[in-house]
Amino acid sequence: MKTLKEIPCGQTVTVVKLQGEGALKRRIMDMGITKGTSVYVRKVAPFGDPVEVRVRGYELSIRKNEAENILVE
């Protein structure tokens, strides 16, 4: 299994599991990233932070440390 941080631009993946504790996990879920959700990786900034994704029909930028807590396949 990979993390969202490792996925190259142009790929669509499915969220398998969210790692992390408390506020971090809650923040990720509040953005609409939950188990079973499809995520399309639109852009990755030159140094990898932030990652721009499309989730549930809207654009979202997430930090690298948040993307590391999202396991995908």
C-alpha atoms as a PDB file:
ATOM      1  CA  MET A   1       0.000   0.000   0.000  1.00  0.00           C
ATOM      2  CA  LYS A   2       1.157   3.530  -0.781  1.00  0.00           C
ATOM      3  CA  THR A   3       0.463   6.896   0.762  1.00  0.00           C
ATOM      4  CA  LEU A   4      -1.154   9.721  -1.171  1.00  0.00           C
ATOM      5  CA  LYS A   5       2.178  11.565  -1.008  1.00  0.00           C
ATOM      6  CA  GLU A   6       3.808   8.871  -3.209  1.00  0.00           C
ATOM      7  CA  ILE A   7       1.255   9.014  -6.052  1.00  0.00           C
ATOM      8  CA  PRO A   8       2.399  10.822  -9.230  1.00  0.00           C
ATOM      9  CA  CYS A   9       0.316  13.452 -11.043  1.00  0.00           C
ATOM     10  CA  GLY A  10      -2.526  12.275 -13.246  1.00  0.00           C
ATOM     11  CA  GLN A  11      -3.456   9.164 -11.282  1.00  0.00           C
ATOM     12  CA  THR A  12      -6.729   8.348  -9.557  1.00  0.00           C
ATOM     13  CA  VAL A  13      -6.565   6.266  -6.401  1.00  0.00           C
ATOM     14  CA  THR A  14      -8.991   5.021  -3.749  1.00  0.00           C
ATOM     15  CA  VAL A  15      -8.570   5.767  -0.055  1.00  0.00           C
ATOM     16  CA  VAL A  16      -8.065   2.549   1.925  1.00  0.00           C
ATOM     17  CA  LYS A  17      -7.268   3.838   5.401  1.00  0.00           C
ATOM     18  CA  LEU A  18      -6.594   7.041   7.313  1.00  0.00           C
ATOM     19  CA  GLN A  19      -3.758   7.043   9.812  1.00  0.00           C
ATOM     20  CA  GLY A  20      -3.017   9.615  12.465  1.00  0.00           C
ATOM     21  CA  GLU A  21      -4.705  10.619  15.659  1.00  0.00           C
ATOM     22  CA  GLY A  22      -7.398  12.987  16.842  1.00  0.00           C
ATOM     23  CA  ALA A  23      -7.371  16.431  15.247  1.00  0.00           C
ATOM     24  CA  LEU A  24      -5.276  15.447  12.213  1.00  0.00           C
ATOM     25  CA  LYS A  25      -7.517  12.511  11.278  1.00  0.00           C
ATOM     26  CA  ARG A  26     -10.658  14.598  11.923  1.00  0.00           C
ATOM     27  CA  ARG A  27      -9.303  17.405   9.681  1.00  0.00           C
ATOM     28  CA  ILE A  28      -8.663  14.976   6.823  1.00  0.00           C
ATOM     29  CA  MET A  29     -12.165  13.519   7.172  1.00  0.00           C
ATOM     30  CA  ASP A  30     -13.715  17.009   7.302  1.00  0.00           C
ATOM     31  CA  MET A  31     -12.119  17.729   3.907  1.00  0.00           C
ATOM     32  CA  GLY A  32     -14.139  14.839   2.456  1.00  0.00           C
ATOM     33  CA  ILE A  33     -11.319  12.304   2.337  1.00  0.00           C
ATOM     34  CA  THR A  34     -12.785   9.142   3.831  1.00  0.00           C
ATOM     35  CA  LYS A  35     -12.360   5.392   3.279  1.00  0.00           C
ATOM     36  CA  GLY A  36     -13.525   4.364  -0.209  1.00  0.00           C
ATOM     37  CA  THR A  37     -13.300   7.875  -1.704  1.00  0.00           C
ATOM     38  CA  SER A  38     -11.679   8.346  -5.120  1.00  0.00           C
ATOM     39  CA  VAL A  39      -8.888  10.932  -5.209  1.00  0.00           C
ATOM     40  CA  TYR A  40      -7.374  12.315  -8.424  1.00  0.00           C
ATOM     41  CA  VAL A  41      -3.883  13.788  -8.026  1.00  0.00           C
ATOM     42  CA  ARG A  42      -3.871  16.977 -10.108  1.00  0.00           C
ATOM     43  CA  LYS A  43      -0.563  18.641  -9.290  1.00  0.00           C
ATOM     44  CA  VAL A  44       2.388  18.280  -6.984  1.00  0.00           C
ATOM     45  CA  ALA A  45       4.374  21.418  -6.153  1.00  0.00           C
ATOM     46  CA  PRO A  46       8.092  21.374  -7.121  1.00  0.00           C
ATOM     47  CA  PHE A  47       9.252  20.379  -3.645  1.00  0.00           C
ATOM     48  CA  GLY A  48       6.240  18.120  -3.037  1.00  0.00           C
ATOM     49  CA  ASP A  49       4.306  20.467  -0.763  1.00  0.00           C
ATOM     50  CA  PRO A  50       1.384  21.001  -1.194  1.00  0.00           C
ATOM     51  CA  VAL A  51      -0.314  18.298  -3.254  1.00  0.00           C
ATOM     52  CA  GLU A  52      -3.360  19.415  -5.247  1.00  0.00           C
ATOM     53  CA  VAL A  53      -6.100  16.806  -5.553  1.00  0.00           C
ATOM     54  CA  ARG A  54      -9.708  16.525  -6.736  1.00  0.00           C
ATOM     55  CA  VAL A  55     -12.037  14.918  -4.210  1.00  0.00           C
ATOM     56  CA  ARG A  56     -15.839  14.631  -4.515  1.00  0.00           C
ATOM     57  CA  GLY A  57     -15.875  17.153  -7.387  1.00  0.00           C
ATOM     58  CA  TYR A  58     -13.808  19.935  -5.824  1.00  0.00           C
ATOM     59  CA  GLU A  59     -10.158  20.981  -5.817  1.00  0.00           C
ATOM     60  CA  LEU A  60      -8.207  20.643  -2.595  1.00  0.00           C
ATOM     61  CA  SER A  61      -4.617  21.370  -1.602  1.00  0.00           C
ATOM     62  CA  ILE A  62      -3.206  19.287   1.210  1.00  0.00           C
ATOM     63  CA  ARG A  63       0.127  19.368   2.974  1.00  0.00           C
ATOM     64  CA  LYS A  64       2.710  16.659   2.550  1.00  0.00           C
ATOM     65  CA  ASN A  65       2.425  15.611   6.212  1.00  0.00           C
ATOM     66  CA  GLU A  66      -1.352  15.165   5.778  1.00  0.00           C
ATOM     67  CA  ALA A  67      -0.888  13.183   2.545  1.00  0.00           C
ATOM     68  CA  GLU A  68       1.473  10.802   4.401  1.00  0.00           C
ATOM     69  CA  ASN A  69      -1.446   9.747   6.618  1.00  0.00           C
ATOM     70  CA  ILE A  70      -3.710   8.724   3.741  1.00  0.00           C
ATOM     71  CA  LEU A  71      -3.184   5.126   2.559  1.00  0.00           C
ATOM     72  CA  VAL A  72      -4.394   4.470  -0.997  1.00  0.00           C
ATOM     73  CA  GLU A  73      -4.503   1.805  -3.680  1.00  0.00           C
END
